[in-house]
Amino acid sequence: MTINPKVKTILIWFFAIVFTLVSAVYQKMTGPTYPVRGHAEIGGQKIGFKLIRSYDLSDDAKVTVIIPDTSVKGELRLRRFKSMDNWQTTVMTRHGDTLIGALPHQAPAGKVMYDVTLIKAGKRVLLNSYPAVLRYTGFVPRYILFPHILLMFMAMLFSTLTGLLVIFRGKNSYLYTWITVISVGVGGLILGPIVQKFAFDAYWTGWPFGNDLTDNKSIIAFIFWVIALVVMKKNRENKLWPIVASIVLLVVFMIPHSMFGSEIDFTKVPKTETVK
């Protein structure tokens, strides 16, 4: 059965868009900065909670739990991540139907681990079985952050699209290879380091200077797509390299964002050099 070329193109675009959206959601939800979400029950009341794991403002990060029952109190237990600090416990304050606790502000890349306990009539309920880890970052201007995100999304979309077009003999695969290379190059290797500089005061924390997988995966994806572009420029019928490059980009972009990213090792930093 022969599929109409226009229908085939529409189907390829549809699958590429859906696949890209699913991949983006997966990457976001599995990343180390995605909030810890869950449900708990105390005093016969079921509550949902969201514990933040990233903060980019200059004040203390606020941990909030919405629970209208004013007889319920909250405790926040915390210490700096990768430190020899003792655990500290602070009482959460109530503002209307919300319990609020504060995590002491740290320098960019400083992390604080914490858990939340609700208390009612002597009964204690721990919300998160394992401590949540919040990382402080510098503020990234939205005029830098949004184009970076958009271009990385485009890179994933056009990489998938190019691979499918090559497999199913569609048109414009060479053009979309160019768009993929430009998207990865500008979004990952130009805007990416600028975002990193604002967030952590370092342009590059990947190899050979560090282990940041976000930096490393951008350069790997770019190299493979540049090779695919050079090969296709000489031979537009080549299928191997655009397919390989598509698979490589898919694999590296499925790695959760910010894995092994910048962090302060407080075991090597005197307390006098940190905030609080």
C-alpha atoms as a PDB file:
ATOM      1  CA  MET A   1       0.000   0.000   0.000  1.00  0.00           C
ATOM      2  CA  THR A   2       1.430   3.361  -1.075  1.00  0.00           C
ATOM      3  CA  ILE A   3       0.873   6.311   1.231  1.00  0.00           C
ATOM      4  CA  ASN A   4       0.156   9.697  -0.309  1.00  0.00           C
ATOM      5  CA  PRO A   5       3.337  11.857   0.023  1.00  0.00           C
ATOM      6  CA  LYS A   6       1.430  14.685   1.743  1.00  0.00           C
ATOM      7  CA  VAL A   7      -0.156  12.278   4.224  1.00  0.00           C
ATOM      8  CA  LYS A   8       3.232  10.702   4.884  1.00  0.00           C
ATOM      9  CA  THR A   9       4.786  14.110   5.560  1.00  0.00           C
ATOM     10  CA  ILE A  10       1.943  15.047   7.922  1.00  0.00           C
ATOM     11  CA  LEU A  11       2.305  11.760   9.803  1.00  0.00           C
ATOM     12  CA  ILE A  12       6.073  12.197  10.125  1.00  0.00           C
ATOM     13  CA  TRP A  13       5.649  15.745  11.461  1.00  0.00           C
ATOM     14  CA  PHE A  14       2.910  14.619  13.849  1.00  0.00           C
ATOM     15  CA  PHE A  15       4.987  11.771  15.267  1.00  0.00           C
ATOM     16  CA  ALA A  16       8.087  13.995  15.572  1.00  0.00           C
ATOM     17  CA  ILE A  17       6.156  16.663  17.493  1.00  0.00           C
ATOM     18  CA  VAL A  18       4.467  14.163  19.821  1.00  0.00           C
ATOM     19  CA  PHE A  19       7.716  12.313  20.424  1.00  0.00           C
ATOM     20  CA  THR A  20       9.541  15.571  21.186  1.00  0.00           C
ATOM     21  CA  LEU A  21       6.854  16.708  23.632  1.00  0.00           C
ATOM     22  CA  VAL A  22       6.871  13.350  25.439  1.00  0.00           C
ATOM     23  CA  SER A  23      10.677  13.392  25.623  1.00  0.00           C
ATOM     24  CA  ALA A  24      10.706  16.954  26.982  1.00  0.00           C
ATOM     25  CA  VAL A  25       8.163  16.094  29.687  1.00  0.00           C
ATOM     26  CA  TYR A  26      10.086  12.941  30.600  1.00  0.00           C
ATOM     27  CA  GLN A  27      13.356  14.844  30.880  1.00  0.00           C
ATOM     28  CA  LYS A  28      11.773  17.534  33.038  1.00  0.00           C
ATOM     29  CA  MET A  29       9.979  15.124  35.390  1.00  0.00           C
ATOM     30  CA  THR A  30      13.015  12.881  35.909  1.00  0.00           C
ATOM     31  CA  GLY A  31      15.480  15.716  36.484  1.00  0.00           C
ATOM     32  CA  PRO A  32      17.011  16.479  39.907  1.00  0.00           C
ATOM     33  CA  THR A  33      15.334  19.904  40.086  1.00  0.00           C
ATOM     34  CA  TYR A  34      11.778  18.649  39.548  1.00  0.00           C
ATOM     35  CA  PRO A  35       9.710  19.111  42.748  1.00  0.00           C
ATOM     36  CA  VAL A  36       9.052  16.149  45.028  1.00  0.00           C
ATOM     37  CA  ARG A  37       5.304  15.545  44.810  1.00  0.00           C
ATOM     38  CA  GLY A  38       3.080  13.267  46.802  1.00  0.00           C
ATOM     39  CA  HIS A  39       0.098  12.818  49.089  1.00  0.00           C
ATOM     40  CA  ALA A  40      -0.163  12.236  52.815  1.00  0.00           C
ATOM     41  CA  GLU A  41      -2.898  11.792  55.395  1.00  0.00           C
ATOM     42  CA  ILE A  42      -3.048  13.286  58.874  1.00  0.00           C
ATOM     43  CA  GLY A  43      -6.039  13.476  61.211  1.00  0.00           C
ATOM     44  CA  GLY A  44      -8.252  11.939  58.550  1.00  0.00           C
ATOM     45  CA  GLN A  45      -7.327  14.648  56.056  1.00  0.00           C
ATOM     46  CA  LYS A  46      -5.656  13.898  52.745  1.00  0.00           C
ATOM     47  CA  ILE A  47      -3.270  16.548  51.475  1.00  0.00           C
ATOM     48  CA  GLY A  48      -1.116  16.934  48.402  1.00  0.00           C
ATOM     49  CA  PHE A  49       2.324  18.475  48.659  1.00  0.00           C
ATOM     50  CA  LYS A  50       5.084  19.794  46.400  1.00  0.00           C
ATOM     51  CA  LEU A  51       8.590  20.254  47.791  1.00  0.00           C
ATOM     52  CA  ILE A  52      10.805  22.505  45.691  1.00  0.00           C
ATOM     53  CA  ARG A  53      14.293  21.447  44.602  1.00  0.00           C
ATOM     54  CA  SER A  54      15.565  24.551  42.808  1.00  0.00           C
ATOM     55  CA  TYR A  55      15.574  28.252  43.689  1.00  0.00           C
ATOM     56  CA  ASP A  56      17.014  31.228  41.785  1.00  0.00           C
ATOM     57  CA  LEU A  57      16.190  34.274  43.933  1.00  0.00           C
ATOM     58  CA  SER A  58      18.424  35.995  46.485  1.00  0.00           C
ATOM     59  CA  ASP A  59      16.389  35.288  49.633  1.00  0.00           C
ATOM     60  CA  ASP A  60      15.757  32.101  51.608  1.00  0.00           C
ATOM     61  CA  ALA A  61      13.829  29.468  49.666  1.00  0.00           C
ATOM     62  CA  LYS A  62      10.319  28.937  51.026  1.00  0.00           C
ATOM     63  CA  VAL A  63       8.960  25.430  51.559  1.00  0.00           C
ATOM     64  CA  THR A  64       5.175  25.506  51.669  1.00  0.00           C
ATOM     65  CA  VAL A  65       2.479  22.966  52.491  1.00  0.00           C
ATOM     66  CA  ILE A  66      -1.175  23.912  52.065  1.00  0.00           C
ATOM     67  CA  ILE A  67      -3.335  22.470  54.873  1.00  0.00           C
ATOM     68  CA  PRO A  68      -6.317  24.510  56.133  1.00  0.00           C
ATOM     69  CA  ASP A  69      -6.589  22.697  59.490  1.00  0.00           C
ATOM     70  CA  THR A  70      -4.953  25.188  61.866  1.00  0.00           C
ATOM     71  CA  SER A  71      -4.376  22.491  64.492  1.00  0.00           C
ATOM     72  CA  VAL A  72      -1.767  20.911  62.213  1.00  0.00           C
ATOM     73  CA  LYS A  73       1.775  22.160  62.765  1.00  0.00           C
ATOM     74  CA  GLY A  74       4.900  21.578  60.726  1.00  0.00           C
ATOM     75  CA  GLU A  75       8.607  21.013  61.248  1.00  0.00           C
ATOM     76  CA  LEU A  76      11.413  21.455  58.764  1.00  0.00           C
ATOM     77  CA  ARG A  77      14.567  19.394  59.270  1.00  0.00           C
ATOM     78  CA  LEU A  78      17.567  20.480  57.233  1.00  0.00           C
ATOM     79  CA  ARG A  79      21.298  20.583  56.683  1.00  0.00           C
ATOM     80  CA  ARG A  80      23.622  21.560  53.859  1.00  0.00           C
ATOM     81  CA  PHE A  81      24.185  18.847  51.281  1.00  0.00           C
ATOM     82  CA  LYS A  82      27.658  17.300  51.290  1.00  0.00           C
ATOM     83  CA  SER A  83      28.553  18.777  54.645  1.00  0.00           C
ATOM     84  CA  MET A  84      29.433  17.662  58.138  1.00  0.00           C
ATOM     85  CA  ASP A  85      26.675  19.874  59.584  1.00  0.00           C
ATOM     86  CA  ASN A  86      24.339  18.555  62.247  1.00  0.00           C
ATOM     87  CA  TRP A  87      20.677  18.345  61.329  1.00  0.00           C
ATOM     88  CA  GLN A  88      18.682  21.419  62.375  1.00  0.00           C
ATOM     89  CA  THR A  89      14.959  21.444  63.060  1.00  0.00           C
ATOM     90  CA  THR A  90      12.868  24.596  62.693  1.00  0.00           C
ATOM     91  CA  VAL A  91       9.164  25.180  63.269  1.00  0.00           C
ATOM     92  CA  MET A  92       7.155  26.118  60.189  1.00  0.00           C
ATOM     93  CA  THR A  93       5.018  29.219  60.512  1.00  0.00           C
ATOM     94  CA  ARG A  94       1.394  29.415  59.475  1.00  0.00           C
ATOM     95  CA  HIS A  95      -0.034  32.015  57.132  1.00  0.00           C
ATOM     96  CA  GLY A  96      -3.719  31.327  56.579  1.00  0.00           C
ATOM     97  CA  ASP A  97      -4.064  27.818  55.189  1.00  0.00           C
ATOM     98  CA  THR A  98      -0.339  27.436  54.450  1.00  0.00           C
ATOM     99  CA  LEU A  99       2.582  26.212  56.541  1.00  0.00           C
ATOM    100  CA  ILE A 100       5.855  27.891  55.550  1.00  0.00           C
ATOM    101  CA  GLY A 101       9.463  26.954  56.325  1.00  0.00           C
ATOM    102  CA  ALA A 102      12.667  28.636  55.150  1.00  0.00           C
ATOM    103  CA  LEU A 103      15.861  27.079  53.802  1.00  0.00           C
ATOM    104  CA  PRO A 104      18.937  29.285  54.475  1.00  0.00           C
ATOM    105  CA  HIS A 105      20.177  30.894  51.292  1.00  0.00           C
ATOM    106  CA  GLN A 106      23.432  29.561  49.838  1.00  0.00           C
ATOM    107  CA  ALA A 107      25.803  30.687  47.133  1.00  0.00           C
ATOM    108  CA  PRO A 108      24.976  29.477  43.590  1.00  0.00           C
ATOM    109  CA  ALA A 109      25.436  25.674  43.349  1.00  0.00           C
ATOM    110  CA  GLY A 110      25.025  25.349  47.118  1.00  0.00           C
ATOM    111  CA  LYS A 111      22.536  22.664  48.110  1.00  0.00           C
ATOM    112  CA  VAL A 112      20.360  22.124  51.167  1.00  0.00           C
ATOM    113  CA  MET A 113      18.712  18.794  51.990  1.00  0.00           C
ATOM    114  CA  TYR A 114      15.503  18.766  53.979  1.00  0.00           C
ATOM    115  CA  ASP A 115      12.364  16.915  54.986  1.00  0.00           C
ATOM    116  CA  VAL A 116       8.991  18.031  56.293  1.00  0.00           C
ATOM    117  CA  THR A 117       6.991  16.570  59.188  1.00  0.00           C
ATOM    118  CA  LEU A 118       3.370  17.421  59.979  1.00  0.00           C
ATOM    119  CA  ILE A 119       2.147  17.166  63.561  1.00  0.00           C
ATOM    120  CA  LYS A 120      -1.409  16.902  64.901  1.00  0.00           C
ATOM    121  CA  ALA A 121      -2.445  15.813  68.404  1.00  0.00           C
ATOM    122  CA  GLY A 122       0.915  14.189  69.003  1.00  0.00           C
ATOM    123  CA  LYS A 123       0.870  12.236  65.735  1.00  0.00           C
ATOM    124  CA  ARG A 124       3.759  12.907  63.364  1.00  0.00           C
ATOM    125  CA  VAL A 125       3.659  12.305  59.614  1.00  0.00           C
ATOM    126  CA  LEU A 126       6.839  12.535  57.537  1.00  0.00           C
ATOM    127  CA  LEU A 127       5.986  13.762  54.042  1.00  0.00           C
ATOM    128  CA  ASN A 128       9.116  12.717  52.150  1.00  0.00           C
ATOM    129  CA  SER A 129      10.738   9.379  52.994  1.00  0.00           C
ATOM    130  CA  TYR A 130      14.072  10.604  51.634  1.00  0.00           C
ATOM    131  CA  PRO A 131      15.388  14.148  52.102  1.00  0.00           C
ATOM    132  CA  ALA A 132      14.686  16.478  49.202  1.00  0.00           C
ATOM    133  CA  VAL A 133      17.752  18.319  47.897  1.00  0.00           C
ATOM    134  CA  LEU A 134      17.322  21.932  46.831  1.00  0.00           C
ATOM    135  CA  ARG A 135      19.993  23.648  44.731  1.00  0.00           C
ATOM    136  CA  TYR A 136      20.394  27.415  44.744  1.00  0.00           C
ATOM    137  CA  THR A 137      21.183  29.075  41.427  1.00  0.00           C
ATOM    138  CA  GLY A 138      21.795  32.574  40.221  1.00  0.00           C
ATOM    139  CA  PHE A 139      18.938  34.267  38.403  1.00  0.00           C
ATOM    140  CA  VAL A 140      18.989  33.704  34.635  1.00  0.00           C
ATOM    141  CA  PRO A 141      17.357  36.529  32.621  1.00  0.00           C
ATOM    142  CA  ARG A 142      14.350  35.249  30.754  1.00  0.00           C
ATOM    143  CA  TYR A 143      15.565  36.789  27.492  1.00  0.00           C
ATOM    144  CA  ILE A 144      18.482  34.319  27.697  1.00  0.00           C
ATOM    145  CA  LEU A 145      16.693  31.340  29.229  1.00  0.00           C
ATOM    146  CA  PHE A 146      13.652  31.194  26.932  1.00  0.00           C
ATOM    147  CA  PRO A 147      15.611  31.245  23.617  1.00  0.00           C
ATOM    148  CA  HIS A 148      17.912  28.554  25.061  1.00  0.00           C
ATOM    149  CA  ILE A 149      14.952  26.331  25.921  1.00  0.00           C
ATOM    150  CA  LEU A 150      13.255  27.005  22.575  1.00  0.00           C
ATOM    151  CA  LEU A 151      16.355  26.157  20.544  1.00  0.00           C
ATOM    152  CA  MET A 152      17.009  22.939  22.473  1.00  0.00           C
ATOM    153  CA  PHE A 153      13.386  21.959  21.884  1.00  0.00           C
ATOM    154  CA  MET A 154      13.848  22.707  18.186  1.00  0.00           C
ATOM    155  CA  ALA A 155      17.015  20.608  18.134  1.00  0.00           C
ATOM    156  CA  MET A 156      15.130  17.612  19.486  1.00  0.00           C
ATOM    157  CA  LEU A 157      12.219  18.164  17.097  1.00  0.00           C
ATOM    158  CA  PHE A 158      14.275  18.550  13.927  1.00  0.00           C
ATOM    159  CA  SER A 159      16.664  15.770  14.891  1.00  0.00           C
ATOM    160  CA  THR A 160      13.731  13.366  15.226  1.00  0.00           C
ATOM    161  CA  LEU A 161      12.146  14.751  12.062  1.00  0.00           C
ATOM    162  CA  THR A 162      15.348  14.330  10.054  1.00  0.00           C
ATOM    163  CA  GLY A 163      15.834  10.756  11.197  1.00  0.00           C
ATOM    164  CA  LEU A 164      12.263   9.838  10.243  1.00  0.00           C
ATOM    165  CA  LEU A 165      12.492  11.584   6.869  1.00  0.00           C
ATOM    166  CA  VAL A 166      15.657   9.674   6.025  1.00  0.00           C
ATOM    167  CA  ILE A 167      14.128   6.356   7.057  1.00  0.00           C
ATOM    168  CA  PHE A 168      10.863   6.907   5.163  1.00  0.00           C
ATOM    169  CA  ARG A 169      12.406   8.709   2.200  1.00  0.00           C
ATOM    170  CA  GLY A 170      10.859  12.078   2.880  1.00  0.00           C
ATOM    171  CA  LYS A 171      11.976  15.453   1.542  1.00  0.00           C
ATOM    172  CA  ASN A 172      14.149  18.249   2.958  1.00  0.00           C
ATOM    173  CA  SER A 173      16.245  16.043   5.244  1.00  0.00           C
ATOM    174  CA  TYR A 174      19.402  18.016   4.358  1.00  0.00           C
ATOM    175  CA  LEU A 175      17.688  21.328   5.216  1.00  0.00           C
ATOM    176  CA  TYR A 176      16.482  19.957   8.538  1.00  0.00           C
ATOM    177  CA  THR A 177      19.981  18.674   9.257  1.00  0.00           C
ATOM    178  CA  TRP A 178      21.201  22.256   8.973  1.00  0.00           C
ATOM    179  CA  ILE A 179      18.439  23.448  11.310  1.00  0.00           C
ATOM    180  CA  THR A 180      19.366  20.739  13.832  1.00  0.00           C
ATOM    181  CA  VAL A 181      23.062  21.682  13.772  1.00  0.00           C
ATOM    182  CA  ILE A 182      22.278  25.392  14.185  1.00  0.00           C
ATOM    183  CA  SER A 183      19.779  24.717  16.996  1.00  0.00           C
ATOM    184  CA  VAL A 184      22.208  22.555  18.968  1.00  0.00           C
ATOM    185  CA  GLY A 185      25.122  24.891  18.280  1.00  0.00           C
ATOM    186  CA  VAL A 186      23.399  28.136  19.251  1.00  0.00           C
ATOM    187  CA  GLY A 187      21.086  26.728  21.933  1.00  0.00           C
ATOM    188  CA  GLY A 188      23.513  24.299  23.553  1.00  0.00           C
ATOM    189  CA  LEU A 189      26.989  25.662  22.917  1.00  0.00           C
ATOM    190  CA  ILE A 190      26.398  29.430  22.894  1.00  0.00           C
ATOM    191  CA  LEU A 191      23.316  30.164  24.992  1.00  0.00           C
ATOM    192  CA  GLY A 192      23.912  27.106  27.211  1.00  0.00           C
ATOM    193  CA  PRO A 193      27.210  28.413  28.630  1.00  0.00           C
ATOM    194  CA  ILE A 194      25.687  31.888  29.055  1.00  0.00           C
ATOM    195  CA  VAL A 195      22.841  30.353  31.085  1.00  0.00           C
ATOM    196  CA  GLN A 196      25.452  28.431  33.081  1.00  0.00           C
ATOM    197  CA  LYS A 197      27.406  31.623  33.757  1.00  0.00           C
ATOM    198  CA  PHE A 198      24.358  33.406  35.162  1.00  0.00           C
ATOM    199  CA  ALA A 199      23.284  30.373  37.188  1.00  0.00           C
ATOM    200  CA  PHE A 200      26.625  29.150  38.547  1.00  0.00           C
ATOM    201  CA  ASP A 201      29.241  31.740  37.566  1.00  0.00           C
ATOM    202  CA  ALA A 202      30.987  29.329  35.181  1.00  0.00           C
ATOM    203  CA  TYR A 203      30.614  29.092  31.420  1.00  0.00           C
ATOM    204  CA  TRP A 204      31.497  25.406  31.175  1.00  0.00           C
ATOM    205  CA  THR A 205      31.411  22.686  33.849  1.00  0.00           C
ATOM    206  CA  GLY A 206      31.523  19.670  31.571  1.00  0.00           C
ATOM    207  CA  TRP A 207      34.551  17.746  30.357  1.00  0.00           C
ATOM    208  CA  PRO A 208      37.457  18.344  30.935  1.00  0.00           C
ATOM    209  CA  PHE A 209      36.646  20.743  33.788  1.00  0.00           C
ATOM    210  CA  GLY A 210      33.803  18.844  35.441  1.00  0.00           C
ATOM    211  CA  ASN A 211      31.136  16.179  35.135  1.00  0.00           C
ATOM    212  CA  ASP A 212      28.088  18.238  34.204  1.00  0.00           C
ATOM    213  CA  LEU A 213      26.135  15.953  31.867  1.00  0.00           C
ATOM    214  CA  THR A 214      24.150  18.866  30.431  1.00  0.00           C
ATOM    215  CA  ASP A 215      27.317  20.413  29.006  1.00  0.00           C
ATOM    216  CA  ASN A 216      28.788  17.092  27.920  1.00  0.00           C
ATOM    217  CA  LYS A 217      25.677  15.885  26.120  1.00  0.00           C
ATOM    218  CA  SER A 218      25.377  19.141  24.164  1.00  0.00           C
ATOM    219  CA  ILE A 219      28.873  18.841  22.698  1.00  0.00           C
ATOM    220  CA  ILE A 220      28.399  15.132  21.938  1.00  0.00           C
ATOM    221  CA  ALA A 221      25.132  15.759  20.084  1.00  0.00           C
ATOM    222  CA  PHE A 222      26.679  18.673  18.180  1.00  0.00           C
ATOM    223  CA  ILE A 223      29.697  16.631  17.038  1.00  0.00           C
ATOM    224  CA  PHE A 224      27.562  13.792  15.681  1.00  0.00           C
ATOM    225  CA  TRP A 225      25.248  16.163  13.828  1.00  0.00           C
ATOM    226  CA  VAL A 226      28.160  18.091  12.308  1.00  0.00           C
ATOM    227  CA  ILE A 227      29.530  14.775  11.017  1.00  0.00           C
ATOM    228  CA  ALA A 228      26.086  13.943   9.596  1.00  0.00           C
ATOM    229  CA  LEU A 229      25.921  17.349   7.904  1.00  0.00           C
ATOM    230  CA  VAL A 230      29.378  16.965   6.300  1.00  0.00           C
ATOM    231  CA  VAL A 231      28.542  13.465   5.062  1.00  0.00           C
ATOM    232  CA  MET A 232      25.162  14.533   3.666  1.00  0.00           C
ATOM    233  CA  LYS A 233      26.701  17.523   1.922  1.00  0.00           C
ATOM    234  CA  LYS A 234      28.822  15.074  -0.095  1.00  0.00           C
ATOM    235  CA  ASN A 235      26.081  12.466  -0.454  1.00  0.00           C
ATOM    236  CA  ARG A 236      22.465  13.535   0.094  1.00  0.00           C
ATOM    237  CA  GLU A 237      21.378   9.901  -0.081  1.00  0.00           C
ATOM    238  CA  ASN A 238      23.406   8.862   2.954  1.00  0.00           C
ATOM    239  CA  LYS A 239      21.136   7.360   5.620  1.00  0.00           C
ATOM    240  CA  LEU A 240      23.591   6.039   8.170  1.00  0.00           C
ATOM    241  CA  TRP A 241      24.894   9.243   9.715  1.00  0.00           C
ATOM    242  CA  PRO A 242      21.640  11.195  10.094  1.00  0.00           C
ATOM    243  CA  ILE A 243      20.034   8.126  11.685  1.00  0.00           C
ATOM    244  CA  VAL A 244      23.028   7.625  14.002  1.00  0.00           C
ATOM    245  CA  ALA A 245      23.043  11.337  14.900  1.00  0.00           C
ATOM    246  CA  SER A 246      19.288  11.236  15.615  1.00  0.00           C
ATOM    247  CA  ILE A 247      19.732   8.246  17.924  1.00  0.00           C
ATOM    248  CA  VAL A 248      22.694   9.846  19.697  1.00  0.00           C
ATOM    249  CA  LEU A 249      20.803  13.077  20.306  1.00  0.00           C
ATOM    250  CA  LEU A 250      17.808  11.124  21.554  1.00  0.00           C
ATOM    251  CA  VAL A 251      19.935   9.109  23.975  1.00  0.00           C
ATOM    252  CA  VAL A 252      21.842  12.075  25.382  1.00  0.00           C
ATOM    253  CA  PHE A 253      18.735  14.241  25.683  1.00  0.00           C
ATOM    254  CA  MET A 254      16.890  11.534  27.567  1.00  0.00           C
ATOM    255  CA  ILE A 255      19.478  11.967  30.310  1.00  0.00           C
ATOM    256  CA  PRO A 256      17.737  14.104  32.956  1.00  0.00           C
ATOM    257  CA  HIS A 257      18.641  17.789  32.805  1.00  0.00           C
ATOM    258  CA  SER A 258      21.213  19.018  35.381  1.00  0.00           C
ATOM    259  CA  MET A 259      22.449  15.540  36.289  1.00  0.00           C
ATOM    260  CA  PHE A 260      25.886  15.783  37.948  1.00  0.00           C
ATOM    261  CA  GLY A 261      25.603  19.540  37.615  1.00  0.00           C
ATOM    262  CA  SER A 262      27.429  22.240  39.564  1.00  0.00           C
ATOM    263  CA  GLU A 263      27.399  21.847  43.332  1.00  0.00           C
ATOM    264  CA  ILE A 264      29.417  23.079  46.295  1.00  0.00           C
ATOM    265  CA  ASP A 265      31.128  20.416  48.384  1.00  0.00           C
ATOM    266  CA  PHE A 266      30.635  21.894  51.849  1.00  0.00           C
ATOM    267  CA  THR A 267      32.973  19.309  53.394  1.00  0.00           C
ATOM    268  CA  LYS A 268      35.779  21.296  51.727  1.00  0.00           C
ATOM    269  CA  VAL A 269      34.425  24.789  52.430  1.00  0.00           C
ATOM    270  CA  PRO A 270      34.711  26.383  55.898  1.00  0.00           C
ATOM    271  CA  LYS A 271      31.388  27.549  57.292  1.00  0.00           C
ATOM    272  CA  THR A 272      32.653  31.134  57.360  1.00  0.00           C
ATOM    273  CA  GLU A 273      32.789  31.098  53.567  1.00  0.00           C
ATOM    274  CA  THR A 274      29.107  30.224  53.136  1.00  0.00           C
ATOM    275  CA  VAL A 275      25.936  32.097  53.798  1.00  0.00           C
ATOM    276  CA  LYS A 276      24.517  30.978  57.130  1.00  0.00           C
END
